[in-house]
C-alpha atoms as a PDB file:
ATOM      1  CA  MET A   1     -45.158 -48.834  -9.042  1.00  0.00           C
ATOM      2  CA  ARG A   2     -44.234 -50.283  -5.642  1.00  0.00           C
ATOM      3  CA  ILE A   3     -40.946 -51.597  -7.025  1.00  0.00           C
ATOM      4  CA  ASN A   4     -40.043 -48.165  -8.394  1.00  0.00           C
ATOM      5  CA  LEU A   5     -40.773 -46.489  -5.050  1.00  0.00           C
ATOM      6  CA  LEU A   6     -38.667 -49.058  -3.267  1.00  0.00           C
ATOM      7  CA  ALA A   7     -35.774 -48.461  -5.684  1.00  0.00           C
ATOM      8  CA  LEU A   8     -36.091 -44.737  -5.217  1.00  0.00           C
ATOM      9  CA  GLY A   9     -36.014 -45.137  -1.436  1.00  0.00           C
ATOM     10  CA  VAL A  10     -32.864 -47.270  -1.593  1.00  0.00           C
ATOM     11  CA  ALA A  11     -31.117 -44.773  -3.894  1.00  0.00           C
ATOM     12  CA  THR A  12     -32.049 -41.904  -1.594  1.00  0.00           C
ATOM     13  CA  ALA A  13     -30.699 -43.765   1.418  1.00  0.00           C
ATOM     14  CA  ILE A  14     -27.412 -44.441  -0.383  1.00  0.00           C
ATOM     15  CA  MET A  15     -27.042 -40.740  -1.324  1.00  0.00           C
ATOM     16  CA  LEU A  16     -27.793 -39.612   2.237  1.00  0.00           C
ATOM     17  CA  SER A  17     -25.297 -42.118   3.604  1.00  0.00           C
ATOM     18  CA  ALA A  18     -22.615 -40.872   1.196  1.00  0.00           C
ATOM     19  CA  CYS A  19     -23.244 -37.250   2.171  1.00  0.00           C
ATOM     20  CA  SER A  20     -23.093 -38.154   5.867  1.00  0.00           C
ATOM     21  CA  SER A  21     -19.782 -39.979   5.337  1.00  0.00           C
ATOM     22  CA  ALA A  22     -18.305 -36.980   3.519  1.00  0.00           C
ATOM     23  CA  ALA A  23     -19.355 -34.659   6.328  1.00  0.00           C
ATOM     24  CA  ASP A  24     -17.964 -37.020   8.965  1.00  0.00           C
ATOM     25  CA  SER A  25     -14.625 -37.178   7.123  1.00  0.00           C
ATOM     26  CA  GLY A  26     -14.297 -33.384   7.221  1.00  0.00           C
ATOM     27  CA  LYS A  27     -14.211 -33.064   3.417  1.00  0.00           C
ATOM     28  CA  ALA A  28     -16.427 -30.403   1.895  1.00  0.00           C
ATOM     29  CA  SER A  29     -18.539 -31.493  -1.040  1.00  0.00           C
ATOM     30  CA  PHE A  30     -18.570 -29.288  -4.147  1.00  0.00           C
ATOM     31  CA  VAL A  31     -21.715 -27.255  -4.624  1.00  0.00           C
ATOM     32  CA  PRO A  32     -21.932 -25.304  -7.872  1.00  0.00           C
ATOM     33  CA  ALA A  33     -22.397 -21.552  -7.389  1.00  0.00           C
ATOM     34  CA  PRO A  34     -25.936 -20.452  -8.208  1.00  0.00           C
ATOM     35  CA  THR A  35     -26.396 -18.443 -11.360  1.00  0.00           C
ATOM     36  CA  PRO A  36     -27.983 -14.989 -11.153  1.00  0.00           C
ATOM     37  CA  SER A  37     -31.769 -14.971 -11.008  1.00  0.00           C
ATOM     38  CA  ASN A  38     -31.982 -13.547 -14.513  1.00  0.00           C
ATOM     39  CA  GLY A  39     -30.060 -16.512 -15.880  1.00  0.00           C
ATOM     40  CA  THR A  40     -26.989 -14.504 -16.989  1.00  0.00           C
ATOM     41  CA  VAL A  41     -23.396 -15.085 -15.896  1.00  0.00           C
ATOM     42  CA  THR A  42     -21.132 -12.093 -15.312  1.00  0.00           C
ATOM     43  CA  SER A  43     -17.907 -11.785 -17.294  1.00  0.00           C
ATOM     44  CA  SER A  44     -14.546 -10.175 -16.541  1.00  0.00           C
ATOM     45  CA  THR A  45     -15.236  -7.827 -19.441  1.00  0.00           C
ATOM     46  CA  ASP A  46     -18.485  -6.500 -17.957  1.00  0.00           C
ATOM     47  CA  ALA A  47     -18.547  -2.880 -16.830  1.00  0.00           C
ATOM     48  CA  ASN A  48     -19.448  -3.163 -13.148  1.00  0.00           C
ATOM     49  CA  LYS A  49     -18.127  -2.120  -9.755  1.00  0.00           C
ATOM     50  CA  ILE A  50     -16.704  -5.544  -8.915  1.00  0.00           C
ATOM     51  CA  ASN A  51     -14.579  -5.810 -12.062  1.00  0.00           C
ATOM     52  CA  PHE A  52     -13.478  -2.185 -11.805  1.00  0.00           C
ATOM     53  CA  ALA A  53     -12.498  -2.542  -8.126  1.00  0.00           C
ATOM     54  CA  GLN A  54     -10.415  -5.629  -8.952  1.00  0.00           C
ATOM     55  CA  ALA A  55      -8.612  -3.810 -11.767  1.00  0.00           C
ATOM     56  CA  ILE A  56      -7.956  -0.735  -9.636  1.00  0.00           C
ATOM     57  CA  ASN A  57      -6.673  -2.859  -6.742  1.00  0.00           C
ATOM     58  CA  ALA A  58      -4.233  -4.564  -9.115  1.00  0.00           C
ATOM     59  CA  SER A  59      -2.767  -1.135  -9.883  1.00  0.00           C
ATOM     60  CA  LEU A  60      -2.987   0.122  -6.304  1.00  0.00           C
ATOM     61  CA  GLY A  61      -0.903  -2.853  -5.213  1.00  0.00           C
ATOM     62  CA  LYS A  62       2.025  -1.208  -6.989  1.00  0.00           C
ATOM     63  CA  GLU A  63       1.561   2.030  -5.036  1.00  0.00           C
ATOM     64  CA  CYS A  64       2.947   2.692  -1.572  1.00  0.00           C
ATOM     65  CA  VAL A  65       2.374   5.005   1.384  1.00  0.00           C
ATOM     66  CA  GLU A  66       5.788   6.648   1.227  1.00  0.00           C
ATOM     67  CA  ALA A  67       7.862   7.691   4.220  1.00  0.00           C
ATOM     68  CA  ARG A  68      10.359   9.656   2.185  1.00  0.00           C
ATOM     69  CA  VAL A  69      13.454  10.927   3.972  1.00  0.00           C
ATOM     70  CA  PRO A  70      13.700  14.505   2.662  1.00  0.00           C
ATOM     71  CA  VAL A  71      16.634  15.949   0.826  1.00  0.00           C
ATOM     72  CA  THR A  72      18.118  18.603   3.107  1.00  0.00           C
ATOM     73  CA  PRO A  73      20.644  21.403   2.611  1.00  0.00           C
ATOM     74  CA  PHE A  74      23.101  19.490   4.770  1.00  0.00           C
ATOM     75  CA  GLY A  75      22.754  16.011   3.307  1.00  0.00           C
ATOM     76  CA  GLY A  76      20.113  13.330   3.498  1.00  0.00           C
ATOM     77  CA  ASN A  77      19.789  12.733  -0.240  1.00  0.00           C
ATOM     78  CA  GLY A  78      20.813   9.083  -0.017  1.00  0.00           C
ATOM     79  CA  PRO A  79      21.381   6.330  -0.598  1.00  0.00           C
ATOM     80  CA  PHE A  80      22.175   5.078   2.885  1.00  0.00           C
ATOM     81  CA  PRO A  81      24.331   5.477   4.833  1.00  0.00           C
ATOM     82  CA  VAL A  82      23.492   9.189   4.980  1.00  0.00           C
ATOM     83  CA  SER A  83      25.629  11.731   6.816  1.00  0.00           C
ATOM     84  CA  LEU A  84      24.060  14.935   8.127  1.00  0.00           C
ATOM     85  CA  SER A  85      26.195  17.989   8.760  1.00  0.00           C
ATOM     86  CA  PHE A  86      24.932  20.037  11.713  1.00  0.00           C
ATOM     87  CA  ALA A  87      24.847  23.839  11.634  1.00  0.00           C
ATOM     88  CA  LEU A  88      27.088  25.787  13.987  1.00  0.00           C
ATOM     89  CA  PRO A  89      26.307  29.127  15.673  1.00  0.00           C
ATOM     90  CA  ASN A  90      27.423  32.122  13.655  1.00  0.00           C
ATOM     91  CA  ASP A  91      26.664  35.783  13.126  1.00  0.00           C
ATOM     92  CA  ALA A  92      23.318  34.929  11.490  1.00  0.00           C
ATOM     93  CA  ALA A  93      22.071  32.342  14.021  1.00  0.00           C
ATOM     94  CA  ASP A  94      22.748  31.867  17.712  1.00  0.00           C
ATOM     95  CA  LYS A  95      23.085  28.559  19.592  1.00  0.00           C
ATOM     96  CA  GLU A  96      19.356  28.181  20.263  1.00  0.00           C
ATOM     97  CA  GLN A  97      18.458  28.804  16.611  1.00  0.00           C
ATOM     98  CA  THR A  98      21.043  26.362  15.274  1.00  0.00           C
ATOM     99  CA  GLU A  99      19.969  23.659  17.720  1.00  0.00           C
ATOM    100  CA  ARG A 100      16.365  24.118  16.648  1.00  0.00           C
ATOM    101  CA  TRP A 101      17.406  23.860  12.997  1.00  0.00           C
ATOM    102  CA  ASN A 102      19.482  20.749  13.633  1.00  0.00           C
ATOM    103  CA  ARG A 103      16.545  19.063  15.386  1.00  0.00           C
ATOM    104  CA  HIS A 104      14.335  19.921  12.416  1.00  0.00           C
ATOM    105  CA  VAL A 105      16.808  18.543   9.875  1.00  0.00           C
ATOM    106  CA  SER A 106      17.397  15.313  11.785  1.00  0.00           C
ATOM    107  CA  ALA A 107      13.782  14.682  12.888  1.00  0.00           C
ATOM    108  CA  PRO A 108      12.833  12.235  10.079  1.00  0.00           C
ATOM    109  CA  PHE A 109      16.039  10.261  10.621  1.00  0.00           C
ATOM    110  CA  GLU A 110      15.640  10.227  14.401  1.00  0.00           C
ATOM    111  CA  ALA A 111      12.051   8.997  14.073  1.00  0.00           C
ATOM    112  CA  LEU A 112      13.269   6.046  12.002  1.00  0.00           C
ATOM    113  CA  VAL A 113      16.013   5.375  14.542  1.00  0.00           C
ATOM    114  CA  LYS A 114      13.346   5.217  17.272  1.00  0.00           C
ATOM    115  CA  VAL A 115      11.378   2.511  15.421  1.00  0.00           C
ATOM    116  CA  GLY A 116      14.441   0.473  14.500  1.00  0.00           C
ATOM    117  CA  LEU A 117      14.807   1.169  10.776  1.00  0.00           C
ATOM    118  CA  LEU A 118      17.999   3.229  11.097  1.00  0.00           C
ATOM    119  CA  ALA A 119      21.080   3.165  13.328  1.00  0.00           C
ATOM    120  CA  ARG A 120      22.787   6.422  14.382  1.00  0.00           C
ATOM    121  CA  GLU A 121      26.460   7.267  14.835  1.00  0.00           C
ATOM    122  CA  GLU A 122      28.008  10.590  15.914  1.00  0.00           C
ATOM    123  CA  VAL A 123      30.685  11.557  13.367  1.00  0.00           C
ATOM    124  CA  ARG A 124      32.738  14.462  12.041  1.00  0.00           C
ATOM    125  CA  VAL A 125      31.625  15.447   8.560  1.00  0.00           C
ATOM    126  CA  LYS A 126      32.553  18.001   5.955  1.00  0.00           C
ATOM    127  CA  GLN A 127      30.734  21.306   6.418  1.00  0.00           C
ATOM    128  CA  PRO A 128      28.898  22.974   3.507  1.00  0.00           C
ATOM    129  CA  LEU A 129      31.263  25.982   3.676  1.00  0.00           C
ATOM    130  CA  GLY A 130      34.389  23.888   4.143  1.00  0.00           C
ATOM    131  CA  GLY A 131      36.186  22.317   7.064  1.00  0.00           C
ATOM    132  CA  MET A 132      35.001  19.531   9.366  1.00  0.00           C
ATOM    133  CA  GLY A 133      32.254  19.738  11.956  1.00  0.00           C
ATOM    134  CA  PRO A 134      29.780  17.721  14.016  1.00  0.00           C
ATOM    135  CA  GLY A 135      27.270  15.477  12.319  1.00  0.00           C
ATOM    136  CA  ARG A 136      25.552  12.114  12.375  1.00  0.00           C
ATOM    137  CA  LYS A 137      25.705   9.099  10.110  1.00  0.00           C
ATOM    138  CA  TYR A 138      22.495   7.088   9.648  1.00  0.00           C
ATOM    139  CA  SER A 139      22.717   3.513   8.405  1.00  0.00           C
ATOM    140  CA  LEU A 140      20.059   0.948   7.564  1.00  0.00           C
ATOM    141  CA  THR A 141      19.261  -1.842   9.981  1.00  0.00           C
ATOM    142  CA  ASN A 142      18.019  -5.176   8.631  1.00  0.00           C
ATOM    143  CA  ALA A 143      14.455  -4.045   9.358  1.00  0.00           C
ATOM    144  CA  GLY A 144      15.100  -0.797   7.541  1.00  0.00           C
ATOM    145  CA  ARG A 145      16.499  -2.582   4.526  1.00  0.00           C
ATOM    146  CA  ASP A 146      13.388  -4.749   4.347  1.00  0.00           C
ATOM    147  CA  ALA A 147      11.139  -1.689   4.611  1.00  0.00           C
ATOM    148  CA  LEU A 148      12.733   0.250   1.736  1.00  0.00           C
ATOM    149  CA  LEU A 149      10.504   0.801  -1.256  1.00  0.00           C
ATOM    150  CA  LEU A 150      13.458   0.271  -3.605  1.00  0.00           C
ATOM    151  CA  PRO A 151      17.090  -0.641  -2.955  1.00  0.00           C
ATOM    152  CA  ASN A 152      19.459   2.343  -2.833  1.00  0.00           C
ATOM    153  CA  SER A 153      16.618   4.754  -2.080  1.00  0.00           C
ATOM    154  CA  THR A 154      15.653   6.737   1.017  1.00  0.00           C
ATOM    155  CA  VAL A 155      11.947   5.933   0.709  1.00  0.00           C
ATOM    156  CA  PHE A 156      10.299   3.494   3.121  1.00  0.00           C
ATOM    157  CA  CYS A 157       6.997   1.737   2.413  1.00  0.00           C
ATOM    158  CA  ALA A 158       4.517   2.470   5.206  1.00  0.00           C
ATOM    159  CA  GLY A 159       1.611   0.492   3.756  1.00  0.00           C
ATOM    160  CA  ARG A 160      -0.357  -0.146   0.588  1.00  0.00           C
ATOM    161  CA  TYR A 161      -3.641   1.151  -0.757  1.00  0.00           C
ATOM    162  CA  LYS A 162      -6.922  -0.635  -1.389  1.00  0.00           C
ATOM    163  CA  VAL A 163     -10.222   0.424  -2.942  1.00  0.00           C
ATOM    164  CA  GLY A 164     -12.894   1.394  -0.459  1.00  0.00           C
ATOM    165  CA  GLU A 165     -15.697   1.850  -2.949  1.00  0.00           C
ATOM    166  CA  VAL A 166     -16.199   2.416  -6.651  1.00  0.00           C
ATOM    167  CA  VAL A 167     -18.384   5.506  -6.445  1.00  0.00           C
ATOM    168  CA  GLN A 168     -19.295   6.019 -10.074  1.00  0.00           C
ATOM    169  CA  PHE A 169     -18.273   5.158 -13.620  1.00  0.00           C
ATOM    170  CA  THR A 170     -19.175   6.222 -17.116  1.00  0.00           C
ATOM    171  CA  GLU A 171     -20.754   4.013 -19.741  1.00  0.00           C
ATOM    172  CA  PRO A 172     -17.864   2.379 -21.655  1.00  0.00           C
ATOM    173  CA  SER A 173     -17.191   4.030 -24.988  1.00  0.00           C
ATOM    174  CA  LYS A 174     -14.663   3.849 -27.778  1.00  0.00           C
ATOM    175  CA  VAL A 175     -11.668   6.176 -27.460  1.00  0.00           C
ATOM    176  CA  MET A 176      -9.033   5.881 -30.189  1.00  0.00           C
ATOM    177  CA  GLY A 177     -10.110   2.314 -30.840  1.00  0.00           C
ATOM    178  CA  ALA A 178     -10.103   1.221 -27.169  1.00  0.00           C
ATOM    179  CA  THR A 179     -13.074   0.597 -24.871  1.00  0.00           C
ATOM    180  CA  VAL A 180     -12.752   3.028 -21.970  1.00  0.00           C
ATOM    181  CA  SER A 181     -14.665   3.939 -18.807  1.00  0.00           C
ATOM    182  CA  GLU A 182     -13.832   6.790 -16.405  1.00  0.00           C
ATOM    183  CA  VAL A 183     -14.155   5.661 -12.784  1.00  0.00           C
ATOM    184  CA  GLY A 184     -14.270   7.503  -9.467  1.00  0.00           C
ATOM    185  CA  PHE A 185     -13.377   5.609  -6.294  1.00  0.00           C
ATOM    186  CA  THR A 186     -12.283   5.937  -2.679  1.00  0.00           C
ATOM    187  CA  PHE A 187      -9.231   4.237  -1.211  1.00  0.00           C
ATOM    188  CA  ALA A 188      -7.522   3.746   2.140  1.00  0.00           C
ATOM    189  CA  ALA A 189      -4.244   2.389   3.505  1.00  0.00           C
ATOM    190  CA  VAL A 190      -3.909  -1.308   4.370  1.00  0.00           C
ATOM    191  CA  ASP A 191      -1.070  -3.626   5.412  1.00  0.00           C
ATOM    192  CA  VAL A 192       0.380  -0.864   7.594  1.00  0.00           C
ATOM    193  CA  PRO A 193       3.536  -1.974   9.478  1.00  0.00           C
ATOM    194  CA  ALA A 194       3.698  -1.290  13.218  1.00  0.00           C
ATOM    195  CA  TRP A 195       6.533   1.230  12.884  1.00  0.00           C
ATOM    196  CA  ALA A 196       4.417   3.478  10.639  1.00  0.00           C
ATOM    197  CA  SER A 197       1.825   3.892  13.410  1.00  0.00           C
ATOM    198  CA  ASP A 198       4.383   5.306  15.843  1.00  0.00           C
ATOM    199  CA  ASP A 199       3.528   8.885  16.882  1.00  0.00           C
ATOM    200  CA  THR A 200       7.083  10.110  16.273  1.00  0.00           C
ATOM    201  CA  VAL A 201       7.069   8.741  12.730  1.00  0.00           C
ATOM    202  CA  GLN A 202       3.714  10.316  11.964  1.00  0.00           C
ATOM    203  CA  THR A 203       4.891  13.678  13.292  1.00  0.00           C
ATOM    204  CA  ALA A 204       8.043  13.534  11.174  1.00  0.00           C
ATOM    205  CA  PHE A 205       6.133  12.311   8.094  1.00  0.00           C
ATOM    206  CA  PRO A 206       2.788  14.174   7.975  1.00  0.00           C
ATOM    207  CA  ASN A 207       1.830  12.530   4.681  1.00  0.00           C
ATOM    208  CA  VAL A 208       1.990   9.127   6.385  1.00  0.00           C
ATOM    209  CA  ALA A 209      -0.283  10.354   9.180  1.00  0.00           C
ATOM    210  CA  ARG A 210      -2.804  11.666   6.652  1.00  0.00           C
ATOM    211  CA  ALA A 211      -2.763   8.426   4.676  1.00  0.00           C
ATOM    212  CA  LEU A 212      -3.229   6.197   7.713  1.00  0.00           C
ATOM    213  CA  HIS A 213      -5.985   8.218   9.377  1.00  0.00           C
ATOM    214  CA  GLY A 214      -8.305   8.897   6.496  1.00  0.00           C
ATOM    215  CA  SER A 215      -9.439   7.878   3.054  1.00  0.00           C
ATOM    216  CA  GLY A 216      -8.654   9.428  -0.288  1.00  0.00           C
ATOM    217  CA  GLU A 217     -10.481   9.889  -3.534  1.00  0.00           C
ATOM    218  CA  GLY A 218      -9.063   8.838  -6.869  1.00  0.00           C
ATOM    219  CA  GLN A 219      -9.868   8.745 -10.530  1.00  0.00           C
ATOM    220  CA  ALA A 220      -8.992   5.959 -12.925  1.00  0.00           C
ATOM    221  CA  ARG A 221      -9.331   5.306 -16.592  1.00  0.00           C
ATOM    222  CA  LEU A 222     -10.346   1.687 -17.109  1.00  0.00           C
ATOM    223  CA  VAL A 223      -9.318   0.229 -20.451  1.00  0.00           C
ATOM    224  CA  LEU A 224     -10.577  -3.103 -21.731  1.00  0.00           C
ATOM    225  CA  SER A 225      -7.536  -5.082 -22.821  1.00  0.00           C
ATOM    226  CA  GLY A 226      -7.065  -8.785 -23.501  1.00  0.00           C
ATOM    227  CA  GLY A 227     -10.390  -9.841 -22.024  1.00  0.00           C
ATOM    228  CA  HIS A 228     -10.061  -7.870 -18.773  1.00  0.00           C
ATOM    229  CA  TRP A 229      -9.973  -4.310 -17.461  1.00  0.00           C
ATOM    230  CA  GLU A 230      -6.737  -2.433 -16.726  1.00  0.00           C
ATOM    231  CA  ALA A 231      -6.602   0.717 -14.613  1.00  0.00           C
ATOM    232  CA  GLU A 232      -4.632   3.896 -15.227  1.00  0.00           C
ATOM    233  CA  LEU A 233      -4.650   5.691 -11.865  1.00  0.00           C
ATOM    234  CA  SER A 234      -4.731   9.310 -10.780  1.00  0.00           C
ATOM    235  CA  LEU A 235      -4.645   9.328  -6.974  1.00  0.00           C
ATOM    236  CA  PHE A 236      -3.289  12.629  -5.830  1.00  0.00           C
END
């Protein structure tokens, strides 16, 4: 018995020495994750909030907080460069009214000029009723090109969405041969670029301000496919 205790003591000392050496070297030793107390291991096919949040986030990653330059009566329907034709005083609108209208039409473009996504140039452009008149041409900067949601569009990506919480879900059931669960969740904007937080941008793009300063509620249909859940979203 004494020999066995001695052997056990030596083995323990060796193990402790090895652990100490690993710690001193800065290398983390692998420790298996504990299994749940009930002895079961969760699966990617289980219906639970963690799996559903992961599936919804995979779909939300394809969505974008859109700063969409609006189509206007005097241009602005893209792609860039975009030329705006400014209104001139006439019998229906005096100088003050036309200036107010021109500021309104150009506000989204001017906001993006302020934050460095667009460059502005004063030009003469064709008027809606014929002839040439004052206007502005807006072109993409390198930063603006990088911020576009898609090439040749006038939509800028002002952030992405991420699940806040899976609020509720239905017990999975068979629908036309597929296993389906209806899920309710909250979401909020993440990865917001600095330009999108500018006050001028948020005034010109109210939807961006709403997205960045609050959370939304969404619905998703989760479908079990290929050993994992896939989300079909309904955000707005």
